[in-house]
Amino acid sequence: MAHYLNHFAESVKKYWDSPMFTNFGANTLTYGDVARGIEKYHILFEQCGIKKGDKIALCARNSAEWGTAFMAIVTFDAVIIPLLPDFLPKSVVELSCFADSKMLIVDSTCYNGFKNDQEAIAIMKDKENFLGVLDVKDMKPFESFKKEFTAAIESWDADFAKKFPNGVTADMVNYTKSDDQLDDLALISFTSGTTSSPKGVMLPARSISVNLEFALREIPLKSGGHILSVLPLAHMFGLTFDFLFPMAGGCHITILGAKPTPAKMLAAFAVVKPFMFLTVPLVLEKIFRSKVIPKLRKPAMRVALSIPGVRQFLLSAFRKKLLATFGGELTQGFLIGGAALNKEVEDAMRKIGIPYSVGYGMTECGPLISYCDKDSFAAGSCGRPARPIELRIDSPKPTKILGEIQVKGPYVMQGYYKNEEATKAVFTSDGWLKTGDMGIIDNKENVFIKGRCKNMILTASGQNVYPEEIEDKLNSIPFVVESLAVGRKNSIIALLVVDWAAAKSAAIEPDALKAQLREDVMKLNSELPAYSRINDCEFRDDPFEKTPKQSIKRFMYQ
């Protein structure tokens, strides 16, 4: 297994003049441009006295400049602390200092969030060896707390010109790492923005490298192919598979900095024409519910699809038209991660013939746990164990009875930073990582996730109910955008976010729609065991609050 940075070194040399990053609608950086930026950062780090193993925090919106800063930190053998820009600004400061960072690199949005917060500034200023805050865009200081940082900034351009009088060339690239560096700490990823007993996942270079090796082995890449990146790069799914993986194959990564609404993404697809698209279920489900499923539900379409010869013709035409809206080059299809895909959406994708696969992972595994190629992917699953990972179901009958998914192997983290109690709690006595997810595995090793342990509803009769299974059915009801099933006073309540605008366009009055939705929910109960049936509905206008990786913050709605 090669160190993940060795792949980057090869790509930079091979694709020096090829585009590596584009900020959608703005500037483009070639692989050579990124290498020059890396060398400039390295000079600053050296002059500031930063050494191998020191920590540097990075918090900014996705951009080409974010990618350059990330690669500069890791190629310097410093430990990167990527912080999600959705975290509260003060939490960014507190987590940076908690992680013992020597420097914080941010964009103006992040800095503007805490620049007038005297307590936040004081936290950094009082932290021993904390140098300052740097702007990721123009590489200028926002804050300087140490004289060596100020001096290094002032002489930065001159030092760069002195070291590289004739510029940086491909033959100067030297990022190659040896095998004995695979166990070095490479990255600390915080799983939330809370500063109360924070969980900073410590990932060695081995975890990132084995994820990358698996992807290069199992997922075909196209040198020079186009990638549209919408996932947060500070999250392990986006970082590993929307950045490090395509970079290793010489791809051109276009970063959609704006929030990925369906309209913005579809506009970007037409320009970028990606051959592969990574996303989370919620994003894809919004597109299919607004653009695809309503057409398939039309009575005339249902009748036409029931005629064998017509069905094949219509689905073929539908597929071509739909793939054209995604740029027309989506040969590798959709790679989906983060949660299970809604059954109705998945059924529609399979019916039309849209290529896709659903993977499964968690930050603590950097992130991959299971995946399967689109051509052998089993519907409803999240792939098969991503070898060399070991996976087991903590159940007396793993193929029949739900149990917690537990994993072991080179993917797994070293532990949580400065949190021995949380580290001890997440591992079994025999060394398996507890994922917190409940599932089963069939005889072909396909993994099926049924819900989160902590989301489980315990009914008055003592039955275990996993709300995700109920929500999957609720989300298939017309005009339901998203839902939650929650346990309240020994009963199960359905919280429904309703598309009132779509109902209005269909000439359905709000009261009539509520009555219809209640009726649909009660009909749905016939598909559920008696102990997990829904007792009542609540209707919402606004979407549920979500985490940066688009998971609903369930604790807010219990």
Protein backbone atom coordinates (compact mmCIF):
# COMPACT_ATOMS: atom_id res chain seq x y z
CA MET A 1 0.00 0.00 0.00
CA ALA A 2 1.42 3.37 -1.04
CA HIS A 3 1.18 6.47 1.13
CA TYR A 4 -1.64 8.65 -0.22
CA LEU A 5 0.74 11.56 -0.80
CA ASN A 6 2.80 9.46 -3.21
CA HIS A 7 -0.18 9.42 -5.57
CA PHE A 8 -0.42 13.19 -5.31
CA ALA A 9 3.28 13.59 -6.09
CA GLU A 10 2.92 11.46 -9.22
CA SER A 11 -0.16 13.39 -10.38
CA VAL A 12 1.50 16.79 -9.93
CA LYS A 13 4.49 15.75 -12.03
CA LYS A 14 2.43 14.02 -14.71
CA TYR A 15 -0.35 16.60 -15.06
CA TRP A 16 1.64 19.77 -14.31
CA ASP A 17 -0.08 21.96 -16.90
CA SER A 18 -3.52 20.36 -16.60
CA PRO A 19 -6.33 21.98 -14.60
CA MET A 20 -6.67 20.61 -11.07
CA PHE A 21 -9.18 22.97 -9.42
CA THR A 22 -11.77 25.40 -10.76
CA ASN A 23 -13.89 27.63 -8.57
CA PHE A 24 -17.13 27.38 -10.56
CA GLY A 25 -17.60 30.55 -12.59
CA ALA A 26 -14.23 31.92 -11.48
CA ASN A 27 -10.52 31.00 -11.47
CA THR A 28 -8.74 27.75 -12.34
CA LEU A 29 -5.54 26.36 -10.82
CA THR A 30 -3.40 23.81 -12.66
CA TYR A 31 -1.56 21.03 -10.84
CA GLY A 32 1.55 23.19 -11.25
CA ASP A 33 -0.20 26.23 -9.74
CA VAL A 34 -1.14 24.16 -6.69
CA ALA A 35 2.48 22.95 -6.39
CA ARG A 36 3.70 26.55 -6.42
CA GLY A 37 1.18 27.45 -3.72
CA ILE A 38 2.36 24.49 -1.65
CA GLU A 39 5.98 25.64 -1.83
CA LYS A 40 5.00 29.14 -0.77
CA TYR A 41 3.12 27.81 2.27
CA HIS A 42 6.10 25.61 3.16
CA ILE A 43 8.36 28.66 3.34
CA LEU A 44 5.96 30.33 5.78
CA PHE A 45 5.75 27.20 7.93
CA GLU A 46 9.55 26.89 8.03
CA GLN A 47 10.08 30.54 8.96
CA CYS A 48 7.46 30.25 11.72
CA GLY A 49 9.24 27.26 13.23
CA ILE A 50 6.45 24.78 12.47
CA LYS A 51 7.75 21.22 12.58
CA LYS A 52 6.62 17.73 11.59
CA GLY A 53 3.66 16.69 13.72
CA ASP A 54 2.63 20.26 14.59
CA LYS A 55 -1.04 21.03 14.01
CA ILE A 56 -2.63 23.58 11.68
CA ALA A 57 -6.39 24.22 11.53
CA LEU A 58 -8.22 25.03 8.29
CA CYS A 59 -11.77 26.42 8.20
CA ALA A 60 -13.16 27.86 4.96
CA ARG A 61 -15.81 27.31 2.34
CA ASN A 62 -14.91 24.85 -0.41
CA SER A 63 -12.53 26.43 -2.90
CA ALA A 64 -9.39 25.80 -4.95
CA GLU A 65 -7.52 27.79 -2.30
CA TRP A 66 -8.83 25.46 0.42
CA GLY A 67 -7.44 22.50 -1.53
CA THR A 68 -4.05 24.17 -1.94
CA ALA A 69 -3.81 24.97 1.78
CA PHE A 70 -4.81 21.41 2.70
CA MET A 71 -2.14 19.85 0.49
CA ALA A 72 0.47 22.33 1.74
CA ILE A 73 -0.15 21.32 5.34
CA VAL A 74 -0.12 17.55 4.82
CA THR A 75 2.90 17.56 2.46
CA PHE A 76 4.80 19.50 5.14
CA ASP A 77 4.12 16.56 7.50
CA ALA A 78 2.02 18.77 9.76
CA VAL A 79 -1.29 17.46 11.12
CA ILE A 80 -4.31 19.03 9.42
CA ILE A 81 -7.39 20.01 11.46
CA PRO A 82 -10.14 20.54 8.83
CA LEU A 83 -13.08 22.30 10.47
CA LEU A 84 -16.49 22.57 8.83
CA PRO A 85 -17.39 26.18 7.99
CA ASP A 86 -20.90 25.56 9.34
CA PHE A 87 -19.51 25.37 12.86
CA LEU A 88 -20.14 28.44 15.01
CA PRO A 89 -17.23 30.90 14.58
CA LYS A 90 -16.33 30.85 18.26
CA SER A 91 -16.39 27.04 18.21
CA VAL A 92 -13.90 27.13 15.33
CA VAL A 93 -11.53 29.12 17.54
CA GLU A 94 -12.09 26.89 20.57
CA LEU A 95 -11.65 23.65 18.63
CA SER A 96 -8.49 24.99 16.94
CA CYS A 97 -6.97 25.75 20.32
CA PHE A 98 -8.24 22.51 21.89
CA ALA A 99 -6.43 20.65 19.11
CA ASP A 100 -3.22 22.57 19.91
CA SER A 101 -3.06 24.18 16.47
CA LYS A 102 -0.15 26.51 15.79
CA MET A 103 -2.10 28.43 13.15
CA LEU A 104 -5.66 28.89 11.89
CA ILE A 105 -6.24 29.37 8.15
CA VAL A 106 -9.69 30.75 7.30
CA ASP A 107 -11.69 32.67 4.71
CA SER A 108 -13.26 36.08 5.30
CA THR A 109 -16.67 34.57 6.13
CA CYS A 110 -15.24 32.55 8.99
CA TYR A 111 -13.03 35.39 10.22
CA ASN A 112 -15.89 37.93 10.14
CA GLY A 113 -17.78 35.59 12.46
CA PHE A 114 -15.31 35.98 15.32
CA LYS A 115 -13.17 39.07 14.60
CA ASN A 116 -15.25 41.27 16.93
CA ASP A 117 -15.58 38.59 19.59
CA GLN A 118 -13.01 39.70 22.15
CA GLU A 119 -13.32 36.45 24.08
CA ALA A 120 -12.56 34.41 20.95
CA ILE A 121 -9.56 36.61 20.10
CA ALA A 122 -8.33 36.33 23.69
CA ILE A 123 -8.53 32.52 23.54
CA MET A 124 -6.14 32.48 20.59
CA LYS A 125 -3.91 35.23 21.93
CA ASP A 126 -3.49 33.50 25.29
CA LYS A 127 -2.83 30.08 23.76
CA GLU A 128 0.86 29.25 24.00
CA ASN A 129 2.56 28.94 20.59
CA PHE A 130 -0.55 30.02 18.67
CA LEU A 131 0.90 32.16 15.86
CA GLY A 132 -2.08 33.79 14.20
CA VAL A 133 -4.91 33.67 11.66
CA LEU A 134 -4.22 33.60 7.89
CA ASP A 135 -6.55 34.39 4.98
CA VAL A 136 -6.76 31.33 2.70
CA LYS A 137 -7.70 33.45 -0.32
CA ASP A 138 -4.93 36.07 -0.54
CA MET A 139 -2.52 34.55 2.02
CA LYS A 140 -2.51 37.71 4.16
CA PRO A 141 -2.72 37.74 7.96
CA PHE A 142 -6.04 38.45 9.66
CA GLU A 143 -4.45 38.28 13.11
CA SER A 144 -0.83 37.96 14.29
CA PHE A 145 -0.07 37.04 17.90
CA LYS A 146 3.63 36.20 17.69
CA LYS A 147 6.55 38.22 16.34
CA GLU A 148 7.91 35.27 14.34
CA PHE A 149 4.60 35.06 12.46
CA THR A 150 4.68 38.79 11.67
CA ALA A 151 8.31 38.59 10.54
CA ALA A 152 7.66 35.53 8.36
CA ILE A 153 4.71 37.24 6.65
CA GLU A 154 6.74 40.41 6.00
CA SER A 155 9.60 38.51 4.34
CA TRP A 156 7.42 35.86 2.71
CA ASP A 157 7.53 37.06 -0.92
CA ALA A 158 11.25 37.86 -0.73
CA ASP A 159 12.01 34.45 0.81
CA PHE A 160 10.04 32.72 -1.94
CA ALA A 161 11.85 34.65 -4.69
CA LYS A 162 15.21 33.86 -3.10
CA LYS A 163 14.50 30.12 -2.85
CA PHE A 164 12.94 29.86 -6.33
CA PRO A 165 14.59 32.54 -8.49
CA ASN A 166 13.53 30.70 -11.65
CA GLY A 167 10.16 29.57 -10.32
CA VAL A 168 8.89 26.17 -9.19
CA THR A 169 9.16 23.34 -11.71
CA ALA A 170 7.84 19.77 -11.78
CA ASP A 171 11.25 18.23 -11.10
CA MET A 172 11.33 20.01 -7.72
CA VAL A 173 8.27 18.18 -6.42
CA ASN A 174 9.19 15.92 -3.50
CA TYR A 175 6.12 14.80 -1.53
CA THR A 176 6.94 11.09 -1.50
CA LYS A 177 6.59 9.37 1.88
CA SER A 178 7.97 6.07 3.11
CA ASP A 179 5.97 3.13 4.46
CA ASP A 180 7.12 3.81 8.02
CA GLN A 181 5.16 7.09 7.88
CA LEU A 182 1.83 5.33 7.32
CA ASP A 183 1.13 5.16 11.05
CA ASP A 184 1.88 8.86 11.62
CA LEU A 185 -1.08 10.98 12.70
CA ALA A 186 -2.23 12.83 9.56
CA LEU A 187 -5.57 14.43 10.38
CA ILE A 188 -7.92 15.24 13.26
CA SER A 189 -11.56 15.54 12.21
CA PHE A 190 -14.15 16.87 14.64
CA THR A 191 -17.47 15.10 14.26
CA SER A 192 -19.47 18.10 15.53
CA GLY A 193 -19.05 21.77 16.33
CA THR A 194 -19.68 21.36 20.03
CA THR A 195 -16.84 22.17 22.41
CA SER A 196 -18.30 20.11 25.26
CA SER A 197 -16.24 16.89 25.35
CA PRO A 198 -15.38 17.26 21.65
CA LYS A 199 -14.66 14.17 19.58
CA GLY A 200 -11.64 14.80 17.40
CA VAL A 201 -11.15 11.68 15.28
CA MET A 202 -7.41 10.94 14.95
CA LEU A 203 -6.73 9.38 11.56
CA PRO A 204 -3.29 8.07 10.61
CA ALA A 205 -1.98 8.31 7.06
CA ARG A 206 -2.68 4.58 6.78
CA SER A 207 -6.45 5.13 7.07
CA ILE A 208 -6.50 7.75 4.32
CA SER A 209 -4.14 5.66 2.16
CA VAL A 210 -6.15 2.43 2.39
CA ASN A 211 -9.33 4.34 1.51
CA LEU A 212 -7.61 5.81 -1.52
CA GLU A 213 -6.14 2.47 -2.60
CA PHE A 214 -9.58 0.86 -2.42
CA ALA A 215 -11.14 3.62 -4.52
CA LEU A 216 -8.39 3.46 -7.15
CA ARG A 217 -8.83 -0.31 -7.34
CA GLU A 218 -12.64 -0.44 -7.45
CA ILE A 219 -13.82 2.78 -9.13
CA PRO A 220 -12.65 3.62 -12.67
CA LEU A 221 -11.16 7.10 -13.12
CA LYS A 222 -10.69 9.15 -16.29
CA SER A 223 -7.46 11.16 -16.49
CA GLY A 224 -8.52 14.69 -17.28
CA GLY A 225 -12.13 13.75 -16.53
CA HIS A 226 -14.38 16.28 -14.87
CA ILE A 227 -15.66 16.14 -11.29
CA LEU A 228 -18.32 18.46 -9.85
CA SER A 229 -17.62 18.75 -6.13
CA VAL A 230 -20.50 19.81 -3.87
CA LEU A 231 -19.79 17.88 -0.66
CA PRO A 232 -18.04 19.68 2.23
CA LEU A 233 -14.32 19.02 1.74
CA ALA A 234 -13.75 19.29 5.49
CA HIS A 235 -15.89 16.15 5.90
CA MET A 236 -14.15 12.82 5.27
CA PHE A 237 -16.54 11.64 2.54
CA GLY A 238 -15.99 14.79 0.47
CA LEU A 239 -12.29 15.02 1.29
CA THR A 240 -11.45 11.44 0.34
CA PHE A 241 -13.72 10.83 -2.64
CA ASP A 242 -14.40 14.30 -4.07
CA PHE A 243 -10.80 15.51 -3.73
CA LEU A 244 -7.99 13.06 -2.92
CA PHE A 245 -9.36 10.25 -5.11
CA PRO A 246 -9.93 12.21 -8.37
CA MET A 247 -6.71 14.16 -7.77
CA ALA A 248 -4.79 10.87 -7.74
CA GLY A 249 -6.05 10.20 -11.26
CA GLY A 250 -5.30 13.61 -12.73
CA CYS A 251 -8.93 14.73 -12.83
CA HIS A 252 -10.21 18.29 -13.09
CA ILE A 253 -12.22 19.14 -9.97
CA THR A 254 -14.76 21.96 -10.27
CA ILE A 255 -15.92 23.22 -6.90
CA LEU A 256 -19.46 24.51 -6.54
CA GLY A 257 -18.97 26.94 -3.69
CA ALA A 258 -22.64 27.84 -3.39
CA LYS A 259 -25.02 25.73 -1.34
CA PRO A 260 -26.02 22.80 -3.58
CA THR A 261 -29.66 23.53 -4.39
CA PRO A 262 -31.09 21.40 -7.23
CA ALA A 263 -31.27 24.43 -9.55
CA LYS A 264 -27.64 25.45 -8.96
CA MET A 265 -26.38 21.92 -9.36
CA LEU A 266 -28.27 21.28 -12.60
CA ALA A 267 -26.88 24.53 -14.02
CA ALA A 268 -23.36 23.44 -13.05
CA PHE A 269 -23.86 19.95 -14.53
CA ALA A 270 -24.51 21.48 -17.94
CA VAL A 271 -21.16 23.30 -17.83
CA VAL A 272 -18.92 20.77 -16.07
CA LYS A 273 -20.26 17.52 -17.60
CA PRO A 274 -18.88 15.23 -14.85
CA PHE A 275 -18.26 11.53 -15.47
CA MET A 276 -19.03 10.76 -11.81
CA PHE A 277 -20.98 12.57 -9.10
CA LEU A 278 -20.70 12.08 -5.35
CA THR A 279 -23.65 13.11 -3.27
CA VAL A 280 -25.72 12.39 -0.17
CA PRO A 281 -29.24 10.91 -0.51
CA LEU A 282 -31.04 14.12 0.48
CA VAL A 283 -29.61 16.09 -2.45
CA LEU A 284 -30.43 13.39 -5.01
CA GLU A 285 -33.87 12.80 -3.53
CA LYS A 286 -34.75 16.50 -3.93
CA ILE A 287 -33.86 16.37 -7.62
CA PHE A 288 -35.78 13.15 -8.28
CA ARG A 289 -38.84 14.22 -6.31
CA SER A 290 -39.05 17.53 -8.16
CA LYS A 291 -38.01 16.43 -11.66
CA VAL A 292 -38.64 12.71 -12.10
CA ILE A 293 -41.14 11.03 -9.80
CA PRO A 294 -44.07 13.41 -10.53
CA LYS A 295 -43.76 12.47 -14.22
CA LEU A 296 -43.70 8.75 -13.46
CA ARG A 297 -46.83 9.14 -11.32
CA LYS A 298 -48.95 10.66 -14.07
CA PRO A 299 -51.81 8.31 -15.05
CA ALA A 300 -50.97 8.44 -18.77
CA MET A 301 -47.33 7.57 -18.04
CA ARG A 302 -48.36 4.63 -15.83
CA VAL A 303 -50.58 3.25 -18.56
CA ALA A 304 -47.83 3.65 -21.18
CA LEU A 305 -45.25 1.95 -18.97
CA SER A 306 -47.52 -1.06 -18.58
CA ILE A 307 -47.19 -1.81 -22.32
CA PRO A 308 -43.98 -3.87 -22.86
CA GLY A 309 -42.80 -2.39 -26.17
CA VAL A 310 -43.76 1.16 -25.27
CA ARG A 311 -42.24 0.80 -21.80
CA GLN A 312 -38.77 0.06 -23.17
CA PHE A 313 -38.93 2.97 -25.63
CA LEU A 314 -40.18 5.46 -23.03
CA LEU A 315 -37.67 4.48 -20.35
CA SER A 316 -34.80 4.68 -22.84
CA ALA A 317 -35.88 8.16 -23.94
CA PHE A 318 -36.45 9.21 -20.34
CA ARG A 319 -32.99 7.96 -19.35
CA LYS A 320 -31.25 9.84 -22.17
CA LYS A 321 -33.08 13.04 -21.36
CA LEU A 322 -32.41 12.73 -17.64
CA LEU A 323 -28.71 11.95 -18.06
CA ALA A 324 -28.46 14.94 -20.41
CA THR A 325 -29.63 17.20 -17.58
CA PHE A 326 -26.65 15.89 -15.58
CA GLY A 327 -24.26 16.87 -18.34
CA GLY A 328 -24.57 13.81 -20.56
CA GLU A 329 -21.21 12.27 -19.53
CA LEU A 330 -22.19 10.50 -16.29
CA THR A 331 -20.70 7.12 -17.25
CA GLN A 332 -19.67 6.19 -13.72
CA GLY A 333 -22.99 7.41 -12.35
CA PHE A 334 -23.87 8.53 -8.85
CA LEU A 335 -21.83 7.51 -5.82
CA ILE A 336 -24.09 8.02 -2.82
CA GLY A 337 -23.07 8.00 0.83
CA GLY A 338 -24.10 9.28 4.24
CA ALA A 339 -27.46 7.51 4.64
CA ALA A 340 -29.80 5.00 3.02
CA LEU A 341 -31.48 6.02 -0.22
CA ASN A 342 -35.24 6.43 -0.17
CA LYS A 343 -36.88 3.31 -1.62
CA GLU A 344 -39.17 5.15 -4.05
CA VAL A 345 -36.24 7.18 -5.41
CA GLU A 346 -34.09 4.05 -5.68
CA ASP A 347 -36.89 2.18 -7.45
CA ALA A 348 -37.22 5.06 -9.92
CA MET A 349 -33.47 5.07 -10.61
CA ARG A 350 -33.41 1.33 -11.24
CA LYS A 351 -36.53 1.46 -13.41
CA ILE A 352 -35.05 4.20 -15.62
CA GLY A 353 -31.58 2.64 -15.63
CA ILE A 354 -29.62 5.43 -13.93
CA PRO A 355 -26.19 4.10 -12.83
CA TYR A 356 -25.60 4.45 -9.09
CA SER A 357 -24.14 2.81 -6.02
CA VAL A 358 -24.61 3.48 -2.30
CA GLY A 359 -21.62 3.28 0.02
CA TYR A 360 -21.41 3.39 3.80
CA GLY A 361 -18.85 4.80 6.15
CA MET A 362 -18.07 7.01 9.12
CA THR A 363 -15.44 9.58 9.98
CA GLU A 364 -13.75 7.12 12.35
CA CYS A 365 -12.89 4.92 9.32
CA GLY A 366 -11.69 7.73 7.09
CA PRO A 367 -14.57 7.09 5.98
CA LEU A 368 -15.18 3.88 4.00
CA ILE A 369 -16.77 0.75 5.48
CA SER A 370 -18.69 -0.77 2.56
CA TYR A 371 -19.14 -0.22 -1.17
CA CYS A 372 -20.04 -2.17 -4.29
CA ASP A 373 -19.67 -1.33 -7.97
CA LYS A 374 -22.82 -0.08 -9.70
CA ASP A 375 -22.97 -3.18 -11.91
CA SER A 376 -23.30 -5.62 -9.01
CA PHE A 377 -24.93 -3.38 -6.41
CA ALA A 378 -27.86 -4.95 -4.54
CA ALA A 379 -30.94 -2.74 -4.21
CA GLY A 380 -31.54 -1.45 -0.70
CA SER A 381 -28.02 -2.27 0.45
CA CYS A 382 -24.96 -0.12 1.06
CA GLY A 383 -22.55 -2.45 -0.71
CA ARG A 384 -20.23 -5.10 0.67
CA PRO A 385 -17.38 -4.73 3.19
CA ALA A 386 -14.56 -2.66 1.69
CA ARG A 387 -11.65 -5.06 2.03
CA PRO A 388 -9.33 -5.20 3.88
CA ILE A 389 -11.85 -3.99 6.47
CA GLU A 390 -13.43 -6.65 8.69
CA LEU A 391 -17.14 -6.28 9.45
CA ARG A 392 -19.42 -8.15 11.79
CA ILE A 393 -23.02 -7.83 13.00
CA ASP A 394 -23.41 -8.08 16.76
CA SER A 395 -26.35 -10.47 16.51
CA PRO A 396 -26.98 -14.20 17.09
CA LYS A 397 -28.25 -14.43 13.47
CA PRO A 398 -26.57 -11.65 11.40
CA THR A 399 -28.59 -12.49 8.27
CA LYS A 400 -31.94 -12.35 10.06
CA ILE A 401 -31.74 -10.47 13.35
CA LEU A 402 -30.66 -6.84 13.58
CA GLY A 403 -27.44 -6.10 15.39
CA GLU A 404 -24.91 -3.31 15.64
CA ILE A 405 -22.43 -3.07 12.77
CA GLN A 406 -18.87 -3.32 14.10
CA VAL A 407 -15.61 -3.01 12.15
CA LYS A 408 -11.90 -3.64 12.49
CA GLY A 409 -8.81 -3.08 10.33
CA PRO A 410 -6.41 -0.50 8.88
CA TYR A 411 -9.21 1.98 8.12
CA VAL A 412 -9.97 2.54 11.80
CA MET A 413 -8.93 5.66 13.72
CA GLN A 414 -6.32 5.84 16.47
CA GLY A 415 -8.90 7.26 18.89
CA TYR A 416 -10.44 10.58 19.92
CA TYR A 417 -8.02 13.43 20.63
CA LYS A 418 -7.68 14.09 24.38
CA ASN A 419 -10.79 12.02 25.07
CA GLU A 420 -9.82 8.60 26.43
CA GLU A 421 -13.28 8.04 27.91
CA ALA A 422 -15.03 8.42 24.53
CA THR A 423 -12.35 6.30 22.84
CA LYS A 424 -12.79 3.49 25.33
CA ALA A 425 -16.57 3.63 24.98
CA VAL A 426 -16.57 3.26 21.18
CA PHE A 427 -14.49 0.06 21.10
CA THR A 428 -15.57 -3.41 22.24
CA SER A 429 -13.46 -5.34 24.71
CA ASP A 430 -11.99 -7.36 21.82
CA GLY A 431 -11.04 -4.29 19.77
CA TRP A 432 -13.92 -3.79 17.31
CA LEU A 433 -15.16 -0.26 16.54
CA LYS A 434 -18.86 0.17 17.34
CA THR A 435 -20.48 2.13 14.50
CA GLY A 436 -23.75 2.84 16.29
CA ASP A 437 -25.65 1.62 13.21
CA MET A 438 -28.01 -1.34 13.21
CA GLY A 439 -28.10 -3.70 10.27
CA ILE A 440 -27.98 -7.18 8.80
CA ILE A 441 -25.71 -8.82 6.22
CA ASP A 442 -26.94 -11.36 3.68
CA ASN A 443 -25.23 -14.51 2.42
CA LYS A 444 -23.55 -12.52 -0.39
CA GLU A 445 -22.14 -10.05 2.16
CA ASN A 446 -24.43 -7.22 1.14
CA VAL A 447 -24.87 -4.90 4.13
CA PHE A 448 -28.31 -3.46 4.90
CA ILE A 449 -28.56 -0.60 7.40
CA LYS A 450 -31.83 -0.33 9.28
CA GLY A 451 -31.21 2.59 11.62
CA ARG A 452 -29.12 4.18 14.33
CA CYS A 453 -28.89 2.59 17.79
CA LYS A 454 -29.44 5.95 19.47
CA ASN A 455 -32.45 6.77 17.26
CA MET A 456 -34.28 3.64 18.31
CA ILE A 457 -37.74 4.18 19.83
CA LEU A 458 -38.63 1.85 22.69
CA THR A 459 -42.41 1.39 22.73
CA ALA A 460 -44.58 0.86 25.79
CA SER A 461 -44.78 -2.83 24.92
CA GLY A 462 -40.98 -3.09 24.90
CA GLN A 463 -40.60 -3.33 21.11
CA ASN A 464 -37.66 -1.70 19.34
CA VAL A 465 -38.69 0.62 16.50
CA TYR A 466 -36.14 2.05 14.07
CA PRO A 467 -37.63 5.33 12.77
CA GLU A 468 -35.63 5.34 9.53
CA GLU A 469 -37.71 2.44 8.19
CA ILE A 470 -40.92 4.38 8.84
CA GLU A 471 -39.49 7.60 7.41
CA ASP A 472 -38.53 5.90 4.17
CA LYS A 473 -42.21 5.11 3.62
CA LEU A 474 -43.38 8.56 4.75
CA ASN A 475 -41.02 10.25 2.31
CA SER A 476 -42.69 8.45 -0.59
CA ILE A 477 -46.07 10.10 0.10
CA PRO A 478 -46.84 12.84 -2.47
CA PHE A 479 -46.09 16.39 -1.25
CA VAL A 480 -43.97 15.15 1.70
CA VAL A 481 -40.51 16.71 1.37
CA GLU A 482 -38.96 15.04 4.42
CA SER A 483 -40.13 13.45 7.66
CA LEU A 484 -39.27 12.28 11.15
CA ALA A 485 -40.89 9.54 13.20
CA VAL A 486 -40.54 10.34 16.91
CA GLY A 487 -41.70 8.66 20.10
CA ARG A 488 -43.90 10.78 22.35
CA LYS A 489 -45.99 9.63 25.32
CA ASN A 490 -45.91 5.97 24.35
CA SER A 491 -46.95 6.69 20.76
CA ILE A 492 -45.27 7.37 17.43
CA ILE A 493 -45.81 10.75 15.79
CA ALA A 494 -44.99 11.61 12.17
CA LEU A 495 -43.50 15.06 11.65
CA LEU A 496 -43.98 16.02 7.99
CA VAL A 497 -42.34 18.85 6.05
CA VAL A 498 -44.88 19.62 3.33
CA ASP A 499 -44.39 21.14 -0.12
CA TRP A 500 -47.24 23.61 0.15
CA ALA A 501 -46.15 25.43 -3.02
CA ALA A 502 -46.43 22.27 -5.13
CA ALA A 503 -49.84 21.57 -3.63
CA LYS A 504 -50.98 25.09 -4.49
CA SER A 505 -49.81 24.60 -8.08
CA ALA A 506 -51.89 21.43 -8.14
CA ALA A 507 -54.91 23.44 -6.88
CA ILE A 508 -55.03 21.60 -3.55
CA GLU A 509 -56.06 23.70 -0.54
CA PRO A 510 -54.00 23.37 2.68
CA ASP A 511 -56.84 21.84 4.73
CA ALA A 512 -57.64 19.35 2.00
CA LEU A 513 -53.95 18.43 1.72
CA LYS A 514 -53.66 17.87 5.48
CA ALA A 515 -56.69 15.58 5.38
CA GLN A 516 -55.23 13.67 2.42
CA LEU A 517 -51.83 13.33 4.11
CA ARG A 518 -53.43 12.00 7.30
CA GLU A 519 -55.33 9.47 5.22
CA ASP A 520 -52.16 8.45 3.37
CA VAL A 521 -50.29 8.02 6.66
CA MET A 522 -53.05 5.85 8.09
CA LYS A 523 -52.96 3.71 4.93
CA LEU A 524 -49.22 3.40 5.36
CA ASN A 525 -49.84 1.87 8.79
CA SER A 526 -51.12 -1.26 7.06
CA GLU A 527 -47.54 -1.83 5.85
CA LEU A 528 -46.10 -1.56 9.36
CA PRO A 529 -46.11 -3.93 12.33
CA ALA A 530 -48.75 -3.03 14.91
CA TYR A 531 -46.13 -1.86 17.44
CA SER A 532 -44.59 0.68 15.01
CA ARG A 533 -47.75 2.25 13.62
CA ILE A 534 -48.16 6.03 13.57
CA ASN A 535 -50.70 7.58 15.91
CA ASP A 536 -50.75 11.17 14.68
CA CYS A 537 -49.20 13.70 12.28
CA GLU A 538 -47.72 17.16 12.70
CA PHE A 539 -47.20 19.41 9.69
CA ARG A 540 -44.28 21.78 9.17
CA ASP A 541 -43.55 24.61 6.76
CA ASP A 542 -39.80 24.82 7.27
CA PRO A 543 -37.20 22.10 6.62
CA PHE A 544 -35.63 20.34 9.60
CA GLU A 545 -32.36 21.73 10.94
CA LYS A 546 -29.45 19.71 9.56
CA THR A 547 -25.81 19.01 10.19
CA PRO A 548 -23.21 20.00 7.55
CA LYS A 549 -23.43 16.50 6.07
CA GLN A 550 -27.21 16.95 5.70
CA SER A 551 -28.33 14.67 8.52
CA ILE A 552 -31.39 15.90 10.42
CA LYS A 553 -30.67 17.10 13.95
CA ARG A 554 -33.12 14.67 15.53
CA PHE A 555 -32.52 15.81 19.08
CA MET A 556 -34.28 19.09 18.26
CA TYR A 557 -37.60 17.40 17.50
CA GLN A 558 -38.04 14.72 20.15
